[in-house]
N, C-alpha and C. Protein backbone atom coordinates (compact mmCIF):
# COMPACT_ATOMS: atom_id res chain seq x y z
N MET A 1 -23.38 -16.69 -19.13
CA MET A 1 -22.40 -16.95 -18.42
C MET A 1 -22.57 -18.24 -17.58
N VAL A 2 -23.83 -18.41 -17.15
CA VAL A 2 -23.98 -19.58 -16.44
C VAL A 2 -25.17 -20.28 -17.09
N ASP A 3 -24.99 -21.56 -17.75
CA ASP A 3 -26.00 -22.34 -18.36
C ASP A 3 -26.41 -23.53 -17.48
N LEU A 4 -27.49 -23.57 -16.89
CA LEU A 4 -27.72 -24.58 -15.97
C LEU A 4 -28.46 -25.84 -16.68
N SER A 5 -28.35 -25.94 -18.07
CA SER A 5 -29.02 -26.88 -18.87
C SER A 5 -28.61 -28.31 -18.56
N PHE A 6 -27.18 -28.47 -18.28
CA PHE A 6 -26.45 -29.61 -17.94
C PHE A 6 -27.09 -30.06 -16.56
N LEU A 7 -27.06 -29.22 -15.62
CA LEU A 7 -27.44 -29.63 -14.27
C LEU A 7 -28.91 -29.92 -14.15
N GLU A 8 -29.75 -29.12 -14.95
CA GLU A 8 -31.16 -29.47 -15.20
C GLU A 8 -31.38 -31.03 -15.69
N LYS A 9 -30.65 -31.10 -16.68
CA LYS A 9 -30.69 -32.58 -17.37
C LYS A 9 -30.33 -33.54 -16.28
N PHE A 10 -29.28 -33.38 -15.61
CA PHE A 10 -28.67 -34.30 -14.71
C PHE A 10 -29.47 -34.57 -13.61
N THR A 11 -30.14 -33.63 -13.06
CA THR A 11 -31.19 -33.66 -11.95
C THR A 11 -32.53 -33.97 -12.42
N LYS A 12 -32.69 -34.13 -13.68
CA LYS A 12 -34.19 -34.41 -14.26
C LYS A 12 -35.06 -33.34 -13.99
N GLY A 13 -34.55 -32.08 -13.64
CA GLY A 13 -35.31 -30.79 -13.47
C GLY A 13 -35.86 -30.81 -12.04
N ASN A 14 -35.21 -31.72 -11.24
CA ASN A 14 -35.67 -31.60 -9.68
C ASN A 14 -35.08 -30.37 -9.08
N PRO A 15 -35.94 -29.39 -8.71
CA PRO A 15 -35.42 -28.20 -8.16
C PRO A 15 -34.70 -28.38 -6.80
N SER A 16 -35.07 -29.27 -6.06
CA SER A 16 -34.27 -29.48 -4.80
C SER A 16 -32.90 -30.02 -5.00
N LYS A 17 -32.81 -30.95 -6.09
CA LYS A 17 -31.44 -31.40 -6.42
C LYS A 17 -30.66 -30.43 -6.92
N MET A 18 -31.25 -29.55 -7.71
CA MET A 18 -30.41 -28.46 -8.45
C MET A 18 -29.94 -27.36 -7.46
N ARG A 19 -30.77 -27.09 -6.36
CA ARG A 19 -30.32 -26.22 -5.28
C ARG A 19 -29.28 -26.81 -4.63
N ARG A 20 -29.34 -28.08 -4.44
CA ARG A 20 -28.30 -28.77 -3.43
C ARG A 20 -26.86 -28.60 -4.04
N TYR A 21 -26.82 -28.76 -5.56
CA TYR A 21 -25.54 -28.65 -6.28
C TYR A 21 -25.09 -27.39 -6.25
N ILE A 22 -26.03 -26.42 -6.61
CA ILE A 22 -25.57 -25.06 -6.49
C ILE A 22 -25.22 -24.57 -5.13
N ALA A 23 -25.84 -24.99 -4.07
CA ALA A 23 -25.16 -24.67 -2.81
C ALA A 23 -23.94 -25.19 -2.55
N ILE A 24 -23.60 -26.36 -3.03
CA ILE A 24 -22.16 -26.86 -2.93
C ILE A 24 -21.15 -26.04 -3.62
N TYR A 25 -21.57 -25.42 -4.78
CA TYR A 25 -20.60 -24.64 -5.57
C TYR A 25 -20.45 -23.39 -4.66
N LEU A 26 -21.67 -22.76 -4.19
CA LEU A 26 -21.71 -21.45 -3.57
C LEU A 26 -20.82 -21.47 -2.20
N ASN A 27 -20.90 -22.65 -1.64
CA ASN A 27 -20.21 -22.91 -0.37
C ASN A 27 -18.74 -23.30 -0.42
N THR A 28 -18.18 -23.89 -1.58
CA THR A 28 -16.94 -24.25 -1.63
C THR A 28 -16.05 -23.37 -2.56
N ALA A 29 -16.61 -22.77 -3.62
CA ALA A 29 -15.81 -22.03 -4.61
C ALA A 29 -15.14 -20.75 -3.91
N PRO A 30 -15.83 -20.06 -3.10
CA PRO A 30 -15.13 -18.80 -2.56
C PRO A 30 -13.74 -19.24 -1.77
N ASP A 31 -13.83 -20.43 -1.07
CA ASP A 31 -12.75 -20.94 -0.36
C ASP A 31 -11.57 -21.23 -1.26
N SER A 32 -12.01 -21.88 -2.35
CA SER A 32 -10.96 -22.28 -3.38
C SER A 32 -10.26 -21.18 -4.10
N PHE A 33 -11.12 -20.02 -4.17
CA PHE A 33 -10.45 -18.86 -4.90
C PHE A 33 -9.48 -18.26 -3.94
N GLU A 34 -9.92 -18.17 -2.58
CA GLU A 34 -8.98 -17.88 -1.56
C GLU A 34 -7.70 -18.46 -1.55
N LYS A 35 -7.79 -19.81 -1.43
CA LYS A 35 -6.66 -20.71 -1.56
C LYS A 35 -5.76 -20.35 -2.79
N MET A 36 -6.39 -20.21 -4.00
CA MET A 36 -5.54 -20.07 -5.22
C MET A 36 -5.00 -18.70 -5.18
N LYS A 37 -5.49 -17.64 -4.54
CA LYS A 37 -4.98 -16.22 -4.39
C LYS A 37 -3.65 -16.33 -3.46
N GLN A 38 -3.90 -17.23 -2.42
CA GLN A 38 -2.81 -17.41 -1.58
C GLN A 38 -1.60 -18.18 -2.08
N ASN A 39 -1.96 -19.18 -2.96
CA ASN A 39 -1.01 -19.97 -3.74
C ASN A 39 -0.13 -19.01 -4.61
N ILE A 40 -0.77 -18.17 -5.38
CA ILE A 40 -0.01 -17.13 -6.21
C ILE A 40 0.84 -16.28 -5.31
N THR A 41 0.27 -15.78 -4.20
CA THR A 41 1.22 -14.98 -3.51
C THR A 41 2.49 -15.78 -2.81
N ASP A 42 2.11 -16.99 -2.48
CA ASP A 42 3.27 -17.85 -2.03
C ASP A 42 4.15 -18.50 -3.10
N LYS A 43 3.80 -18.28 -4.29
CA LYS A 43 4.44 -18.87 -5.47
C LYS A 43 4.31 -20.47 -5.36
N ALA A 44 3.24 -20.91 -4.72
CA ALA A 44 2.88 -22.40 -4.49
C ALA A 44 2.46 -22.92 -5.94
N TRP A 45 2.98 -23.08 -6.88
CA TRP A 45 2.44 -23.32 -8.17
C TRP A 45 1.77 -24.79 -8.25
N THR A 46 2.35 -25.68 -7.73
CA THR A 46 1.69 -27.22 -7.83
C THR A 46 0.31 -26.99 -7.04
N ASP A 47 0.38 -26.35 -5.80
CA ASP A 47 -1.03 -26.24 -4.96
C ASP A 47 -1.98 -25.40 -5.81
N LEU A 48 -1.54 -24.42 -6.61
CA LEU A 48 -2.48 -23.48 -7.43
C LEU A 48 -3.11 -24.52 -8.60
N ALA A 49 -2.22 -25.35 -9.15
CA ALA A 49 -2.78 -26.29 -10.21
C ALA A 49 -3.78 -27.30 -9.58
N ILE A 50 -3.49 -27.82 -8.38
CA ILE A 50 -4.40 -28.72 -7.77
C ILE A 50 -5.69 -28.03 -7.39
N ASN A 51 -5.76 -26.83 -6.89
CA ASN A 51 -6.96 -26.10 -6.45
C ASN A 51 -7.78 -25.57 -7.90
N ALA A 52 -7.06 -25.22 -8.86
CA ALA A 52 -7.81 -25.04 -10.07
C ALA A 52 -8.41 -26.32 -10.69
N HIS A 53 -7.59 -27.33 -10.59
CA HIS A 53 -8.25 -28.65 -11.09
C HIS A 53 -9.31 -29.07 -10.30
N SER A 54 -9.36 -28.95 -9.08
CA SER A 54 -10.52 -29.32 -8.19
C SER A 54 -11.78 -28.48 -8.46
N LEU A 55 -11.62 -27.34 -8.80
CA LEU A 55 -12.73 -26.42 -9.10
C LEU A 55 -13.36 -26.57 -10.57
N LYS A 56 -12.53 -27.13 -11.29
CA LYS A 56 -13.00 -27.39 -12.85
C LYS A 56 -14.15 -28.21 -12.96
N PRO A 57 -14.41 -29.29 -12.31
CA PRO A 57 -15.55 -30.10 -12.49
C PRO A 57 -17.00 -29.36 -12.00
N GLN A 58 -16.81 -28.55 -10.95
CA GLN A 58 -17.94 -27.80 -10.54
C GLN A 58 -18.46 -26.85 -11.52
N ALA A 59 -17.34 -25.95 -12.01
CA ALA A 59 -17.65 -24.98 -13.11
C ALA A 59 -18.28 -25.56 -14.23
N GLU A 60 -17.88 -26.88 -14.64
CA GLU A 60 -18.42 -27.50 -15.80
C GLU A 60 -19.92 -27.97 -15.52
N PHE A 61 -20.10 -28.52 -14.36
CA PHE A 61 -21.38 -29.13 -13.92
C PHE A 61 -22.35 -27.82 -13.87
N LEU A 62 -21.93 -26.56 -13.52
CA LEU A 62 -22.84 -25.75 -13.52
C LEU A 62 -22.99 -24.86 -14.78
N GLY A 63 -22.32 -25.19 -15.57
CA GLY A 63 -22.42 -24.61 -16.84
C GLY A 63 -21.71 -23.25 -16.91
N ILE A 64 -20.66 -23.10 -16.21
CA ILE A 64 -19.86 -21.83 -16.39
C ILE A 64 -18.57 -22.14 -17.12
N SER A 65 -18.78 -22.17 -18.49
CA SER A 65 -17.81 -22.83 -19.33
C SER A 65 -16.49 -21.97 -19.49
N GLU A 66 -16.81 -20.78 -19.27
CA GLU A 66 -15.68 -19.67 -19.41
C GLU A 66 -14.76 -19.79 -18.14
N LEU A 67 -15.20 -20.06 -17.13
CA LEU A 67 -14.56 -20.24 -15.90
C LEU A 67 -13.77 -21.60 -16.01
N LYS A 68 -14.38 -22.60 -16.36
CA LYS A 68 -13.77 -23.87 -16.61
C LYS A 68 -12.50 -23.61 -17.56
N GLU A 69 -12.66 -23.01 -18.60
CA GLU A 69 -11.60 -22.72 -19.61
C GLU A 69 -10.44 -22.03 -19.00
N LEU A 70 -10.71 -21.11 -18.18
CA LEU A 70 -9.52 -20.40 -17.55
C LEU A 70 -9.02 -21.27 -16.53
N LEU A 71 -9.67 -22.09 -15.71
CA LEU A 71 -9.07 -22.83 -14.77
C LEU A 71 -8.12 -23.92 -15.39
N ILE A 72 -8.56 -24.37 -16.77
CA ILE A 72 -7.73 -25.33 -17.41
C ILE A 72 -6.36 -24.39 -17.79
N GLU A 73 -6.56 -23.34 -18.30
CA GLU A 73 -5.35 -22.45 -18.69
C GLU A 73 -4.36 -22.42 -17.55
N ILE A 74 -4.94 -21.98 -16.40
CA ILE A 74 -4.12 -21.87 -15.21
C ILE A 74 -3.47 -23.28 -14.93
N GLU A 75 -4.03 -24.31 -14.80
CA GLU A 75 -3.49 -25.51 -14.63
C GLU A 75 -2.35 -25.91 -15.63
N ASN A 76 -2.65 -25.68 -16.96
CA ASN A 76 -1.67 -25.87 -17.99
C ASN A 76 -0.62 -25.01 -17.91
N GLY A 77 -0.77 -23.65 -17.57
CA GLY A 77 0.32 -22.81 -17.42
C GLY A 77 1.17 -23.26 -16.38
N VAL A 78 0.71 -23.70 -15.15
CA VAL A 78 1.63 -24.29 -14.17
C VAL A 78 2.38 -25.47 -14.60
N LYS A 79 1.74 -26.46 -15.30
CA LYS A 79 2.29 -27.74 -15.73
C LYS A 79 3.38 -27.35 -16.79
N SER A 80 3.33 -26.44 -17.45
CA SER A 80 4.32 -26.06 -18.63
C SER A 80 5.25 -24.98 -18.25
N GLU A 81 5.06 -24.59 -16.97
CA GLU A 81 5.98 -23.59 -16.30
C GLU A 81 5.90 -22.19 -17.09
N GLN A 82 4.75 -21.78 -17.65
CA GLN A 82 4.50 -20.50 -18.22
C GLN A 82 3.54 -19.89 -17.17
N LEU A 83 4.41 -19.19 -16.26
CA LEU A 83 3.75 -18.67 -15.09
C LEU A 83 3.46 -17.03 -15.34
N GLU A 84 4.12 -16.47 -16.50
CA GLU A 84 3.91 -15.14 -16.65
C GLU A 84 2.59 -14.52 -16.56
N GLY A 85 1.62 -15.17 -17.07
CA GLY A 85 0.28 -14.60 -17.16
C GLY A 85 -0.78 -15.34 -16.20
N ILE A 86 -0.35 -16.11 -15.24
CA ILE A 86 -1.09 -16.83 -14.39
C ILE A 86 -1.97 -15.78 -13.37
N GLU A 87 -1.35 -14.73 -13.05
CA GLU A 87 -2.20 -13.87 -12.11
C GLU A 87 -3.27 -13.22 -12.96
N THR A 88 -3.08 -12.85 -14.13
CA THR A 88 -4.08 -12.23 -14.99
C THR A 88 -5.18 -13.33 -15.20
N LEU A 89 -4.93 -14.50 -15.60
CA LEU A 89 -5.85 -15.59 -15.73
C LEU A 89 -6.62 -15.84 -14.51
N PHE A 90 -5.92 -15.80 -13.20
CA PHE A 90 -6.64 -15.91 -12.03
C PHE A 90 -7.75 -14.84 -11.84
N THR A 91 -7.30 -13.55 -12.19
CA THR A 91 -8.14 -12.36 -11.94
C THR A 91 -9.50 -12.49 -12.82
N LYS A 92 -9.18 -12.89 -14.03
CA LYS A 92 -10.30 -13.18 -14.91
C LYS A 92 -11.20 -14.31 -14.30
N ALA A 93 -10.79 -15.36 -13.96
CA ALA A 93 -11.44 -16.41 -13.32
C ALA A 93 -12.28 -16.03 -12.12
N LYS A 94 -11.61 -15.13 -11.18
CA LYS A 94 -12.29 -14.88 -9.96
C LYS A 94 -13.35 -13.98 -10.38
N SER A 95 -13.19 -12.97 -11.42
CA SER A 95 -14.22 -11.95 -11.92
C SER A 95 -15.51 -12.76 -12.34
N ILE A 96 -15.26 -13.91 -13.21
CA ILE A 96 -16.25 -14.82 -13.75
C ILE A 96 -16.98 -15.37 -12.66
N HIS A 97 -16.28 -15.92 -11.76
CA HIS A 97 -16.78 -16.68 -10.56
C HIS A 97 -17.83 -15.65 -9.79
N ASP A 98 -17.22 -14.43 -9.56
CA ASP A 98 -18.09 -13.35 -8.78
C ASP A 98 -19.37 -13.09 -9.46
N GLU A 99 -19.29 -12.90 -10.88
CA GLU A 99 -20.63 -12.69 -11.72
C GLU A 99 -21.59 -13.84 -11.64
N SER A 100 -20.88 -15.04 -11.54
CA SER A 100 -21.77 -16.33 -11.67
C SER A 100 -22.33 -16.43 -10.32
N GLU A 101 -21.72 -16.08 -9.20
CA GLU A 101 -22.14 -16.27 -7.78
C GLU A 101 -23.33 -15.51 -7.55
N VAL A 102 -23.35 -14.20 -8.00
CA VAL A 102 -24.60 -13.47 -8.02
C VAL A 102 -25.81 -13.97 -8.85
N PHE A 103 -25.55 -14.54 -9.92
CA PHE A 103 -26.65 -15.28 -10.69
C PHE A 103 -27.18 -16.57 -10.03
N LEU A 104 -26.05 -17.22 -9.37
CA LEU A 104 -26.58 -18.45 -8.73
C LEU A 104 -27.34 -18.18 -7.38
N GLN A 105 -26.88 -17.11 -6.74
CA GLN A 105 -27.64 -16.85 -5.45
C GLN A 105 -28.95 -16.30 -5.90
N ASP A 106 -29.09 -15.60 -6.85
CA ASP A 106 -30.52 -15.18 -7.38
C ASP A 106 -31.20 -16.34 -7.49
N TYR A 107 -30.69 -17.24 -8.19
CA TYR A 107 -31.38 -18.50 -8.58
C TYR A 107 -31.77 -19.22 -7.22
N MET A 108 -30.88 -19.23 -6.24
CA MET A 108 -31.33 -19.93 -4.96
C MET A 108 -32.37 -19.29 -4.22
N ASP A 109 -32.28 -17.73 -4.38
CA ASP A 109 -33.34 -16.96 -3.60
C ASP A 109 -34.66 -16.99 -4.33
N ASN A 110 -34.61 -17.01 -5.68
CA ASN A 110 -35.86 -16.72 -6.35
C ASN A 110 -36.36 -17.81 -7.37
N GLY A 111 -35.47 -18.76 -7.35
CA GLY A 111 -35.83 -20.08 -8.12
C GLY A 111 -35.84 -19.67 -9.51
């Protein structure tokens, strides 16, 4: 689910740099998901696309490719006004984030 090989290559295997990038994700992603959840409740589709878009690079950077793909689907669904499955996509994305968060927190705690 999480493949840190890109991050490891990018940081040249420097553990403190890797931890810093992981910490950024762990500190910002939960808020992004809360905003996206509220966007869906409010039917604020443009804001939903913006929030999904802003989280995409972080997911890619940390090697959470399945999350990145779902965020792209959410963004594209909004752009093409195909809103029917957006909530399901969000639920899947949130679930992947939750699992990834556990993995990343364990990495932070235990290296």
